[in-house]
Amino acid sequence: MANWNKNDRARLAQVALRYHSNKDASIALGIGVSAFNRACKRAGIESPNLRIKRQQAEAQARRAARGT
């Protein structure tokens, strides 16, 4: 998957949403974790690990806003 086309990017986005970790997503695509991270970054797709970090930060911000 050296040259990413439109179909590859769509598949990358689907896998990134479906799996809970970068490791599982990279295994599903048959590439290494580092290659998966680079591909997500180049395609502008949020990787599973970044999605989890963002969701945790949003939840923490909501809790702080509530004062809990």
N, C-alpha and C. Protein backbone atom coordinates (compact mmCIF):
# COMPACT_ATOMS: atom_id res chain seq x y z
N MET A 1 0.82 -1.19 0.00
CA MET A 1 0.00 0.00 0.00
C MET A 1 0.87 1.25 0.00
N ALA A 2 1.90 1.21 -0.83
CA ALA A 2 2.80 2.35 -0.88
C ALA A 2 2.12 3.57 -1.49
N ASN A 3 1.39 3.35 -2.59
CA ASN A 3 0.67 4.45 -3.23
C ASN A 3 -0.79 4.36 -2.82
N TRP A 4 -1.22 5.31 -2.02
CA TRP A 4 -2.59 5.28 -1.51
C TRP A 4 -3.53 5.92 -2.51
N ASN A 5 -4.57 5.19 -2.90
CA ASN A 5 -5.58 5.78 -3.76
C ASN A 5 -6.85 6.01 -2.94
N LYS A 6 -7.90 6.46 -3.60
CA LYS A 6 -9.13 6.81 -2.91
C LYS A 6 -9.74 5.62 -2.17
N ASN A 7 -9.70 4.43 -2.78
CA ASN A 7 -10.25 3.23 -2.15
C ASN A 7 -9.44 2.81 -0.93
N ASP A 8 -8.13 2.94 -1.01
CA ASP A 8 -7.28 2.59 0.13
C ASP A 8 -7.55 3.53 1.30
N ARG A 9 -7.74 4.81 1.01
CA ARG A 9 -8.02 5.77 2.09
C ARG A 9 -9.37 5.49 2.73
N ALA A 10 -10.35 5.10 1.93
CA ALA A 10 -11.67 4.75 2.47
C ALA A 10 -11.56 3.53 3.36
N ARG A 11 -10.79 2.55 2.92
CA ARG A 11 -10.59 1.34 3.73
C ARG A 11 -9.84 1.66 5.02
N LEU A 12 -8.85 2.52 4.92
CA LEU A 12 -8.09 2.94 6.10
C LEU A 12 -9.01 3.62 7.11
N ALA A 13 -9.89 4.48 6.62
CA ALA A 13 -10.83 5.18 7.51
C ALA A 13 -11.79 4.20 8.16
N GLN A 14 -12.28 3.21 7.41
CA GLN A 14 -13.19 2.21 7.97
C GLN A 14 -12.51 1.40 9.07
N VAL A 15 -11.29 0.97 8.79
CA VAL A 15 -10.55 0.15 9.76
C VAL A 15 -10.24 0.98 11.00
N ALA A 16 -9.87 2.24 10.81
CA ALA A 16 -9.55 3.11 11.94
C ALA A 16 -10.77 3.30 12.86
N LEU A 17 -11.97 3.33 12.29
CA LEU A 17 -13.18 3.47 13.10
C LEU A 17 -13.60 2.16 13.75
N ARG A 18 -13.38 1.06 13.06
CA ARG A 18 -13.87 -0.23 13.52
C ARG A 18 -13.09 -0.79 14.71
N TYR A 19 -11.77 -0.61 14.69
CA TYR A 19 -10.93 -1.25 15.70
C TYR A 19 -10.62 -0.30 16.85
N HIS A 20 -10.38 -0.89 18.01
CA HIS A 20 -10.17 -0.13 19.25
C HIS A 20 -8.72 0.30 19.44
N SER A 21 -7.80 -0.38 18.76
CA SER A 21 -6.39 -0.02 18.93
C SER A 21 -5.68 0.03 17.59
N ASN A 22 -4.60 0.76 17.54
CA ASN A 22 -3.80 0.84 16.33
C ASN A 22 -3.23 -0.53 15.96
N LYS A 23 -2.90 -1.32 16.96
CA LYS A 23 -2.33 -2.65 16.71
C LYS A 23 -3.35 -3.53 15.99
N ASP A 24 -4.58 -3.57 16.49
CA ASP A 24 -5.61 -4.39 15.85
C ASP A 24 -5.91 -3.90 14.44
N ALA A 25 -5.96 -2.59 14.25
CA ALA A 25 -6.25 -2.03 12.94
C ALA A 25 -5.13 -2.35 11.95
N SER A 26 -3.90 -2.26 12.41
CA SER A 26 -2.78 -2.54 11.51
C SER A 26 -2.75 -4.02 11.13
N ILE A 27 -3.10 -4.90 12.06
CA ILE A 27 -3.16 -6.33 11.76
C ILE A 27 -4.25 -6.60 10.71
N ALA A 28 -5.37 -5.92 10.83
CA ALA A 28 -6.47 -6.10 9.87
C ALA A 28 -6.04 -5.69 8.46
N LEU A 29 -5.18 -4.69 8.36
CA LEU A 29 -4.71 -4.24 7.05
C LEU A 29 -3.49 -5.00 6.57
N GLY A 30 -2.86 -5.75 7.47
CA GLY A 30 -1.67 -6.50 7.10
C GLY A 30 -0.43 -5.64 6.99
N ILE A 31 -0.39 -4.55 7.77
CA ILE A 31 0.78 -3.66 7.78
C ILE A 31 1.23 -3.48 9.22
N GLY A 32 2.38 -2.90 9.42
CA GLY A 32 2.89 -2.66 10.75
C GLY A 32 2.21 -1.48 11.42
N VAL A 33 2.36 -1.40 12.73
CA VAL A 33 1.73 -0.32 13.49
C VAL A 33 2.28 1.04 13.07
N SER A 34 3.58 1.13 12.88
CA SER A 34 4.18 2.40 12.47
C SER A 34 3.68 2.83 11.10
N ALA A 35 3.57 1.86 10.18
CA ALA A 35 3.06 2.17 8.84
C ALA A 35 1.60 2.63 8.92
N PHE A 36 0.83 2.01 9.80
CA PHE A 36 -0.57 2.42 9.98
C PHE A 36 -0.66 3.84 10.52
N ASN A 37 0.17 4.16 11.52
CA ASN A 37 0.18 5.50 12.08
C ASN A 37 0.55 6.55 11.03
N ARG A 38 1.59 6.25 10.23
CA ARG A 38 2.01 7.17 9.18
C ARG A 38 0.91 7.35 8.14
N ALA A 39 0.27 6.25 7.76
CA ALA A 39 -0.79 6.32 6.75
C ALA A 39 -1.96 7.17 7.25
N CYS A 40 -2.34 6.99 8.51
CA CYS A 40 -3.42 7.80 9.08
C CYS A 40 -3.05 9.27 9.09
N LYS A 41 -1.82 9.55 9.50
CA LYS A 41 -1.38 10.94 9.58
C LYS A 41 -1.37 11.59 8.20
N ARG A 42 -0.85 10.86 7.19
CA ARG A 42 -0.78 11.39 5.83
C ARG A 42 -2.16 11.60 5.23
N ALA A 43 -3.10 10.70 5.57
CA ALA A 43 -4.44 10.78 5.00
C ALA A 43 -5.36 11.70 5.79
N GLY A 44 -4.87 12.19 6.93
CA GLY A 44 -5.69 13.07 7.77
C GLY A 44 -6.80 12.33 8.49
N ILE A 45 -6.56 11.06 8.81
CA ILE A 45 -7.54 10.21 9.48
C ILE A 45 -7.14 10.05 10.94
N GLU A 46 -8.11 10.16 11.82
CA GLU A 46 -7.85 10.00 13.25
C GLU A 46 -7.67 8.50 13.55
N SER A 47 -6.51 8.15 14.10
CA SER A 47 -6.25 6.75 14.44
C SER A 47 -7.02 6.37 15.70
N PRO A 48 -7.21 5.07 15.94
CA PRO A 48 -7.94 4.65 17.13
C PRO A 48 -7.35 5.21 18.43
N ASN A 49 -6.03 5.20 18.55
CA ASN A 49 -5.41 5.70 19.78
C ASN A 49 -5.65 7.20 19.96
N LEU A 50 -5.57 7.96 18.87
CA LEU A 50 -5.84 9.41 18.96
C LEU A 50 -7.31 9.66 19.27
N ARG A 51 -8.20 8.84 18.70
CA ARG A 51 -9.63 9.00 18.97
C ARG A 51 -9.92 8.78 20.46
N ILE A 52 -9.31 7.76 21.04
CA ILE A 52 -9.52 7.46 22.46
C ILE A 52 -8.99 8.61 23.32
N LYS A 53 -7.80 9.11 22.99
CA LYS A 53 -7.24 10.24 23.76
C LYS A 53 -8.13 11.47 23.66
N ARG A 54 -8.66 11.75 22.45
CA ARG A 54 -9.54 12.90 22.28
C ARG A 54 -10.82 12.73 23.09
N GLN A 55 -11.40 11.54 23.06
CA GLN A 55 -12.63 11.29 23.80
C GLN A 55 -12.40 11.43 25.31
N GLN A 56 -11.26 10.95 25.78
CA GLN A 56 -10.94 11.08 27.21
C GLN A 56 -10.77 12.54 27.59
N ALA A 57 -10.11 13.33 26.75
CA ALA A 57 -9.91 14.75 27.03
C ALA A 57 -11.24 15.49 27.03
N GLU A 58 -12.13 15.14 26.09
CA GLU A 58 -13.45 15.77 26.05
C GLU A 58 -14.26 15.43 27.30
N ALA A 59 -14.20 14.19 27.73
CA ALA A 59 -14.92 13.77 28.92
C ALA A 59 -14.38 14.50 30.15
N GLN A 60 -13.07 14.64 30.23
CA GLN A 60 -12.47 15.33 31.36
C GLN A 60 -12.87 16.80 31.35
N ALA A 61 -12.94 17.41 30.18
CA ALA A 61 -13.35 18.81 30.08
C ALA A 61 -14.82 18.98 30.50
N ARG A 62 -15.67 18.02 30.13
CA ARG A 62 -17.07 18.08 30.53
C ARG A 62 -17.21 17.95 32.05
N ARG A 63 -16.42 17.04 32.64
CA ARG A 63 -16.46 16.88 34.10
C ARG A 63 -15.98 18.13 34.79
N ALA A 64 -14.95 18.76 34.25
CA ALA A 64 -14.44 19.99 34.85
C ALA A 64 -15.45 21.12 34.74
N ALA A 65 -16.17 21.16 33.63
CA ALA A 65 -17.19 22.20 33.44
C ALA A 65 -18.36 22.02 34.41
N ARG A 66 -18.67 20.77 34.72
CA ARG A 66 -19.76 20.49 35.68
C ARG A 66 -19.32 20.77 37.10
N GLY A 67 -18.02 20.76 37.32
CA GLY A 67 -17.52 20.98 38.68
C GLY A 67 -17.49 19.71 39.50
N THR A 68 -17.41 18.56 38.82
CA THR A 68 -17.40 17.29 39.53
C THR A 68 -16.00 16.75 39.61
